[in-house]
Amino acid sequence: MHALVVRSHPRTDSLTTAVAERVTERLTDEGYTVDPLDLHGEGFDPVLPPEDEPDWTDPNKAYTPETREHMARVSAADLIVVVFPVWWFSLPAMAKGWIDRVWNRGFAYEPSTLHGKRMLWIGLAGGSASSYAEHGFDRSLEIQLGDGISRFCGISDAFVHLMYDSLGSPDLEAVDRSLNRMLVREPAERLPVS
């Protein structure tokens, strides 16, 4: 099994980095080969150029070399894990730009080449679980990431895990529990936001 672990944070000493490293370590222990993708460290350009804009008249459009390289990395993965800080109750611009450019028409949708893959989103939220639930931000992220991206693109086995109160000490055991749930359950079993 092969995993792509995507990290979106500008600092290498961030909690996001620590969580991504923990995920990589755990997956390696489980026998996965891991492709670590540090969007900032690799200098990914999140700005969508005209060459990578979807062409609604041509589902076979050839995208830029950088985008095709990232598409190949996604294609090679059985499991995709995206680790990111929750900023303004959403993905950071870098991660959103990666989705915009790479998860493009003719690859991720219309038609999708991603069926059969598994996906885990790990968002580090500074707020409390009760605050997110009270305002519906947790469900909003599940709809946006789990339904609006993963399942829309043919990945029916997707799970969104939010690490609340992440401004303090990291609860890396919670990451382990989410990974355990993702790795040991039946692929068709849909998990709620946790």
C-alpha atoms as a PDB file:
ATOM      1  CA  MET A   1       0.000   0.000   0.000  1.00  0.00           C
ATOM      2  CA  HIS A   2       1.150   3.520  -0.792  1.00  0.00           C
ATOM      3  CA  ALA A   3       0.155   6.774   0.927  1.00  0.00           C
ATOM      4  CA  LEU A   4       0.500  10.415  -0.058  1.00  0.00           C
ATOM      5  CA  VAL A   5       0.781  12.612   3.049  1.00  0.00           C
ATOM      6  CA  VAL A   6       0.159  16.244   2.108  1.00  0.00           C
ATOM      7  CA  ARG A   7       1.187  18.973   4.526  1.00  0.00           C
ATOM      8  CA  SER A   8       0.139  22.593   4.226  1.00  0.00           C
ATOM      9  CA  HIS A   9       1.869  24.931   6.667  1.00  0.00           C
ATOM     10  CA  PRO A  10       4.537  27.602   6.067  1.00  0.00           C
ATOM     11  CA  ARG A  11       6.629  26.603   9.117  1.00  0.00           C
ATOM     12  CA  THR A  12       8.527  23.345   9.543  1.00  0.00           C
ATOM     13  CA  ASP A  13       8.361  23.664  13.357  1.00  0.00           C
ATOM     14  CA  SER A  14       4.545  23.795  13.401  1.00  0.00           C
ATOM     15  CA  LEU A  15       2.108  21.390  15.019  1.00  0.00           C
ATOM     16  CA  THR A  16       0.879  20.638  11.493  1.00  0.00           C
ATOM     17  CA  THR A  17       4.366  19.369  10.648  1.00  0.00           C
ATOM     18  CA  ALA A  18       4.519  17.293  13.846  1.00  0.00           C
ATOM     19  CA  VAL A  19       1.163  15.705  13.036  1.00  0.00           C
ATOM     20  CA  ALA A  20       2.181  14.998   9.418  1.00  0.00           C
ATOM     21  CA  GLU A  21       5.389  13.384  10.660  1.00  0.00           C
ATOM     22  CA  ARG A  22       3.396  11.281  13.146  1.00  0.00           C
ATOM     23  CA  VAL A  23       1.071  10.167  10.344  1.00  0.00           C
ATOM     24  CA  THR A  24       4.061   9.240   8.166  1.00  0.00           C
ATOM     25  CA  GLU A  25       5.649   7.287  11.016  1.00  0.00           C
ATOM     26  CA  ARG A  26       2.435   5.388  11.799  1.00  0.00           C
ATOM     27  CA  LEU A  27       1.747   4.539   8.162  1.00  0.00           C
ATOM     28  CA  THR A  28       5.320   3.327   7.703  1.00  0.00           C
ATOM     29  CA  ASP A  29       4.898   1.127  10.791  1.00  0.00           C
ATOM     30  CA  GLU A  30       1.740  -0.295   9.181  1.00  0.00           C
ATOM     31  CA  GLY A  31       3.729  -1.277   6.087  1.00  0.00           C
ATOM     32  CA  TYR A  32       2.839   1.638   3.816  1.00  0.00           C
ATOM     33  CA  THR A  33       5.319   3.349   1.570  1.00  0.00           C
ATOM     34  CA  VAL A  34       4.838   7.083   2.056  1.00  0.00           C
ATOM     35  CA  ASP A  35       5.291  10.023  -0.300  1.00  0.00           C
ATOM     36  CA  PRO A  36       5.552  13.124   1.941  1.00  0.00           C
ATOM     37  CA  LEU A  37       4.346  16.232   0.101  1.00  0.00           C
ATOM     38  CA  ASP A  38       5.226  19.506   1.834  1.00  0.00           C
ATOM     39  CA  LEU A  39       3.441  22.064  -0.340  1.00  0.00           C
ATOM     40  CA  HIS A  40       5.435  24.996   1.049  1.00  0.00           C
ATOM     41  CA  GLY A  41       8.759  23.164   1.208  1.00  0.00           C
ATOM     42  CA  GLU A  42       8.463  21.991  -2.392  1.00  0.00           C
ATOM     43  CA  GLY A  43       7.524  25.478  -3.566  1.00  0.00           C
ATOM     44  CA  PHE A  44       4.146  24.489  -4.988  1.00  0.00           C
ATOM     45  CA  ASP A  45       2.460  27.444  -6.716  1.00  0.00           C
ATOM     46  CA  PRO A  46      -1.188  27.546  -5.581  1.00  0.00           C
ATOM     47  CA  VAL A  47      -2.200  30.191  -8.131  1.00  0.00           C
ATOM     48  CA  LEU A  48      -4.324  28.711 -10.911  1.00  0.00           C
ATOM     49  CA  PRO A  49      -2.829  29.796 -14.252  1.00  0.00           C
ATOM     50  CA  PRO A  50      -4.983  29.790 -17.397  1.00  0.00           C
ATOM     51  CA  GLU A  51      -3.142  26.650 -18.547  1.00  0.00           C
ATOM     52  CA  ASP A  52      -4.580  24.744 -15.557  1.00  0.00           C
ATOM     53  CA  GLU A  53      -8.080  26.179 -15.712  1.00  0.00           C
ATOM     54  CA  PRO A  54     -10.677  23.481 -16.470  1.00  0.00           C
ATOM     55  CA  ASP A  55     -11.735  23.407 -20.114  1.00  0.00           C
ATOM     56  CA  TRP A  56     -15.419  22.522 -20.180  1.00  0.00           C
ATOM     57  CA  THR A  57     -15.213  21.651 -23.884  1.00  0.00           C
ATOM     58  CA  ASP A  58     -12.179  19.338 -23.535  1.00  0.00           C
ATOM     59  CA  PRO A  59     -12.125  16.760 -20.703  1.00  0.00           C
ATOM     60  CA  ASN A  60      -8.769  15.506 -22.050  1.00  0.00           C
ATOM     61  CA  LYS A  61      -7.011  18.842 -21.663  1.00  0.00           C
ATOM     62  CA  ALA A  62      -3.258  18.598 -21.033  1.00  0.00           C
ATOM     63  CA  TYR A  63      -2.345  20.494 -17.870  1.00  0.00           C
ATOM     64  CA  THR A  64       1.009  22.058 -16.943  1.00  0.00           C
ATOM     65  CA  PRO A  65       3.957  19.779 -16.076  1.00  0.00           C
ATOM     66  CA  GLU A  66       3.786  20.758 -12.365  1.00  0.00           C
ATOM     67  CA  THR A  67       0.098  19.874 -12.216  1.00  0.00           C
ATOM     68  CA  ARG A  68       0.618  16.594 -14.083  1.00  0.00           C
ATOM     69  CA  GLU A  69       3.421  15.676 -11.666  1.00  0.00           C
ATOM     70  CA  HIS A  70       1.105  16.204  -8.703  1.00  0.00           C
ATOM     71  CA  MET A  71      -1.680  14.278 -10.431  1.00  0.00           C
ATOM     72  CA  ALA A  72       0.741  11.358 -10.810  1.00  0.00           C
ATOM     73  CA  ARG A  73       1.535  11.474  -7.088  1.00  0.00           C
ATOM     74  CA  VAL A  74      -2.179  11.398  -6.243  1.00  0.00           C
ATOM     75  CA  SER A  75      -2.747   8.564  -8.737  1.00  0.00           C
ATOM     76  CA  ALA A  76       0.031   6.475  -7.187  1.00  0.00           C
ATOM     77  CA  ALA A  77      -1.539   6.644  -3.714  1.00  0.00           C
ATOM     78  CA  ASP A  78      -3.976   4.157  -2.225  1.00  0.00           C
ATOM     79  CA  LEU A  79      -4.469   6.491   0.749  1.00  0.00           C
ATOM     80  CA  ILE A  80      -4.310  10.301   0.661  1.00  0.00           C
ATOM     81  CA  VAL A  81      -3.872  12.160   3.960  1.00  0.00           C
ATOM     82  CA  VAL A  82      -4.046  15.966   4.025  1.00  0.00           C
ATOM     83  CA  VAL A  83      -2.814  17.658   7.224  1.00  0.00           C
ATOM     84  CA  PHE A  84      -3.575  21.355   7.551  1.00  0.00           C
ATOM     85  CA  PRO A  85      -4.370  24.148  10.004  1.00  0.00           C
ATOM     86  CA  VAL A  86      -7.992  25.257   9.919  1.00  0.00           C
ATOM     87  CA  TRP A  87      -7.832  28.929   8.963  1.00  0.00           C
ATOM     88  CA  TRP A  88     -11.070  30.854   8.683  1.00  0.00           C
ATOM     89  CA  PHE A  89     -12.938  27.555   9.085  1.00  0.00           C
ATOM     90  CA  SER A  90     -11.485  26.180   5.863  1.00  0.00           C
ATOM     91  CA  LEU A  91      -8.310  25.032   4.143  1.00  0.00           C
ATOM     92  CA  PRO A  92      -5.338  27.408   3.964  1.00  0.00           C
ATOM     93  CA  ALA A  93      -4.908  29.064   0.555  1.00  0.00           C
ATOM     94  CA  MET A  94      -1.955  26.792  -0.300  1.00  0.00           C
ATOM     95  CA  ALA A  95      -3.994  23.603   0.188  1.00  0.00           C
ATOM     96  CA  LYS A  96      -7.003  25.076  -1.595  1.00  0.00           C
ATOM     97  CA  GLY A  97      -4.775  26.065  -4.519  1.00  0.00           C
ATOM     98  CA  TRP A  98      -3.413  22.508  -4.638  1.00  0.00           C
ATOM     99  CA  ILE A  99      -6.967  21.173  -4.881  1.00  0.00           C
ATOM    100  CA  ASP A 100      -7.901  23.787  -7.509  1.00  0.00           C
ATOM    101  CA  ARG A 101      -4.929  22.991  -9.735  1.00  0.00           C
ATOM    102  CA  VAL A 102      -4.429  19.266  -9.229  1.00  0.00           C
ATOM    103  CA  TRP A 103      -7.909  17.880  -8.593  1.00  0.00           C
ATOM    104  CA  ASN A 104      -8.976  19.003 -12.020  1.00  0.00           C
ATOM    105  CA  ARG A 105     -11.491  18.032 -14.683  1.00  0.00           C
ATOM    106  CA  GLY A 106     -10.636  14.846 -16.523  1.00  0.00           C
ATOM    107  CA  PHE A 107      -8.541  13.659 -13.574  1.00  0.00           C
ATOM    108  CA  ALA A 108     -10.502  14.087 -10.351  1.00  0.00           C
ATOM    109  CA  TYR A 109     -13.955  14.554 -11.883  1.00  0.00           C
ATOM    110  CA  GLU A 110     -15.743  14.267 -15.225  1.00  0.00           C
ATOM    111  CA  PRO A 111     -14.462  11.575 -15.232  1.00  0.00           C
ATOM    112  CA  SER A 112     -12.794  10.693 -11.937  1.00  0.00           C
ATOM    113  CA  THR A 113      -9.721   8.497 -11.865  1.00  0.00           C
ATOM    114  CA  LEU A 114      -9.752   8.401  -8.054  1.00  0.00           C
ATOM    115  CA  HIS A 115     -12.328   5.670  -7.367  1.00  0.00           C
ATOM    116  CA  GLY A 116     -11.157   3.109  -4.812  1.00  0.00           C
ATOM    117  CA  LYS A 117      -8.794   5.454  -3.001  1.00  0.00           C
ATOM    118  CA  ARG A 118      -9.152   6.315   0.681  1.00  0.00           C
ATOM    119  CA  MET A 119      -8.785   9.815   2.093  1.00  0.00           C
ATOM    120  CA  LEU A 120      -8.206  11.279   5.545  1.00  0.00           C
ATOM    121  CA  TRP A 121      -8.331  15.022   6.200  1.00  0.00           C
ATOM    122  CA  ILE A 122      -6.699  16.106   9.485  1.00  0.00           C
ATOM    123  CA  GLY A 123      -7.510  19.695  10.370  1.00  0.00           C
ATOM    124  CA  LEU A 124      -5.890  21.430  13.329  1.00  0.00           C
ATOM    125  CA  ALA A 125      -8.497  23.750  14.794  1.00  0.00           C
ATOM    126  CA  GLY A 126      -7.669  26.349  17.421  1.00  0.00           C
ATOM    127  CA  GLY A 127     -11.241  26.424  18.731  1.00  0.00           C
ATOM    128  CA  SER A 128     -13.057  23.961  20.942  1.00  0.00           C
ATOM    129  CA  ALA A 129     -15.226  21.077  19.754  1.00  0.00           C
ATOM    130  CA  SER A 130     -18.243  22.663  21.444  1.00  0.00           C
ATOM    131  CA  SER A 131     -17.679  25.982  19.661  1.00  0.00           C
ATOM    132  CA  TYR A 132     -17.319  24.283  16.271  1.00  0.00           C
ATOM    133  CA  ALA A 133     -20.455  22.210  16.895  1.00  0.00           C
ATOM    134  CA  GLU A 134     -22.454  25.197  18.166  1.00  0.00           C
ATOM    135  CA  HIS A 135     -21.779  27.165  14.984  1.00  0.00           C
ATOM    136  CA  GLY A 136     -21.843  24.192  12.609  1.00  0.00           C
ATOM    137  CA  PHE A 137     -18.226  24.654  11.551  1.00  0.00           C
ATOM    138  CA  ASP A 138     -17.447  20.947  12.084  1.00  0.00           C
ATOM    139  CA  ARG A 139     -20.282  19.856   9.821  1.00  0.00           C
ATOM    140  CA  SER A 140     -19.365  22.568   7.312  1.00  0.00           C
ATOM    141  CA  LEU A 141     -15.838  21.141   7.012  1.00  0.00           C
ATOM    142  CA  GLU A 142     -17.208  17.602   6.641  1.00  0.00           C
ATOM    143  CA  ILE A 143     -19.507  18.745   3.839  1.00  0.00           C
ATOM    144  CA  GLN A 144     -16.805  20.815   2.116  1.00  0.00           C
ATOM    145  CA  LEU A 145     -13.963  18.302   2.370  1.00  0.00           C
ATOM    146  CA  GLY A 146     -15.664  14.938   2.725  1.00  0.00           C
ATOM    147  CA  ASP A 147     -18.566  15.479   0.349  1.00  0.00           C
ATOM    148  CA  GLY A 148     -17.641  18.500  -1.781  1.00  0.00           C
ATOM    149  CA  ILE A 149     -14.137  17.311  -2.623  1.00  0.00           C
ATOM    150  CA  SER A 150     -13.516  13.649  -1.751  1.00  0.00           C
ATOM    151  CA  ARG A 151     -16.841  12.020  -2.543  1.00  0.00           C
ATOM    152  CA  PHE A 152     -17.543  14.404  -5.455  1.00  0.00           C
ATOM    153  CA  CYS A 153     -14.263  13.156  -6.924  1.00  0.00           C
ATOM    154  CA  GLY A 154     -15.170   9.487  -6.499  1.00  0.00           C
ATOM    155  CA  ILE A 155     -13.479   8.800  -3.151  1.00  0.00           C
ATOM    156  CA  SER A 156     -16.364   7.359  -1.170  1.00  0.00           C
ATOM    157  CA  ASP A 157     -14.082   6.270   1.678  1.00  0.00           C
ATOM    158  CA  ALA A 158     -13.237   9.678   3.151  1.00  0.00           C
ATOM    159  CA  PHE A 159     -12.987  10.846   6.750  1.00  0.00           C
ATOM    160  CA  VAL A 160     -12.518  14.314   8.268  1.00  0.00           C
ATOM    161  CA  HIS A 161     -10.790  14.433  11.667  1.00  0.00           C
ATOM    162  CA  LEU A 162     -10.555  17.769  13.466  1.00  0.00           C
ATOM    163  CA  MET A 163      -8.003  18.218  16.243  1.00  0.00           C
ATOM    164  CA  TYR A 164      -9.667  20.828  18.452  1.00  0.00           C
ATOM    165  CA  ASP A 165      -7.930  23.192  20.886  1.00  0.00           C
ATOM    166  CA  SER A 166      -4.739  22.685  18.886  1.00  0.00           C
ATOM    167  CA  LEU A 167      -3.084  25.840  20.191  1.00  0.00           C
ATOM    168  CA  GLY A 168      -1.968  23.918  23.290  1.00  0.00           C
ATOM    169  CA  SER A 169      -0.182  20.596  23.556  1.00  0.00           C
ATOM    170  CA  PRO A 170      -0.843  18.322  20.617  1.00  0.00           C
ATOM    171  CA  ASP A 171      -2.964  15.231  21.215  1.00  0.00           C
ATOM    172  CA  LEU A 172      -1.030  12.941  18.909  1.00  0.00           C
ATOM    173  CA  GLU A 173      -2.824   9.938  20.391  1.00  0.00           C
ATOM    174  CA  ALA A 174      -6.022  11.315  18.807  1.00  0.00           C
ATOM    175  CA  VAL A 175      -4.239  11.222  15.452  1.00  0.00           C
ATOM    176  CA  ASP A 176      -3.296   7.603  16.145  1.00  0.00           C
ATOM    177  CA  ARG A 177      -6.935   6.765  16.930  1.00  0.00           C
ATOM    178  CA  SER A 178      -8.127   8.374  13.692  1.00  0.00           C
ATOM    179  CA  LEU A 179      -5.516   6.498  11.703  1.00  0.00           C
ATOM    180  CA  ASN A 180      -6.501   3.270  13.435  1.00  0.00           C
ATOM    181  CA  ARG A 181     -10.143   3.865  12.542  1.00  0.00           C
ATOM    182  CA  MET A 182      -9.190   4.599   8.950  1.00  0.00           C
ATOM    183  CA  LEU A 183      -6.891   1.600   8.575  1.00  0.00           C
ATOM    184  CA  VAL A 184      -8.860  -1.153  10.330  1.00  0.00           C
ATOM    185  CA  ARG A 185     -12.457  -0.543   9.310  1.00  0.00           C
ATOM    186  CA  GLU A 186     -14.228  -1.802   6.254  1.00  0.00           C
ATOM    187  CA  PRO A 187     -13.706   0.625   3.350  1.00  0.00           C
ATOM    188  CA  ALA A 188     -17.436   1.205   2.830  1.00  0.00           C
ATOM    189  CA  GLU A 189     -18.039   2.255   6.441  1.00  0.00           C
ATOM    190  CA  ARG A 190     -18.464   6.027   6.546  1.00  0.00           C
ATOM    191  CA  LEU A 191     -17.143   7.755   9.631  1.00  0.00           C
ATOM    192  CA  PRO A 192     -18.552  10.932  11.136  1.00  0.00           C
ATOM    193  CA  VAL A 193     -16.516  14.029  11.898  1.00  0.00           C
ATOM    194  CA  SER A 194     -14.550  13.526  15.106  1.00  0.00           C
END
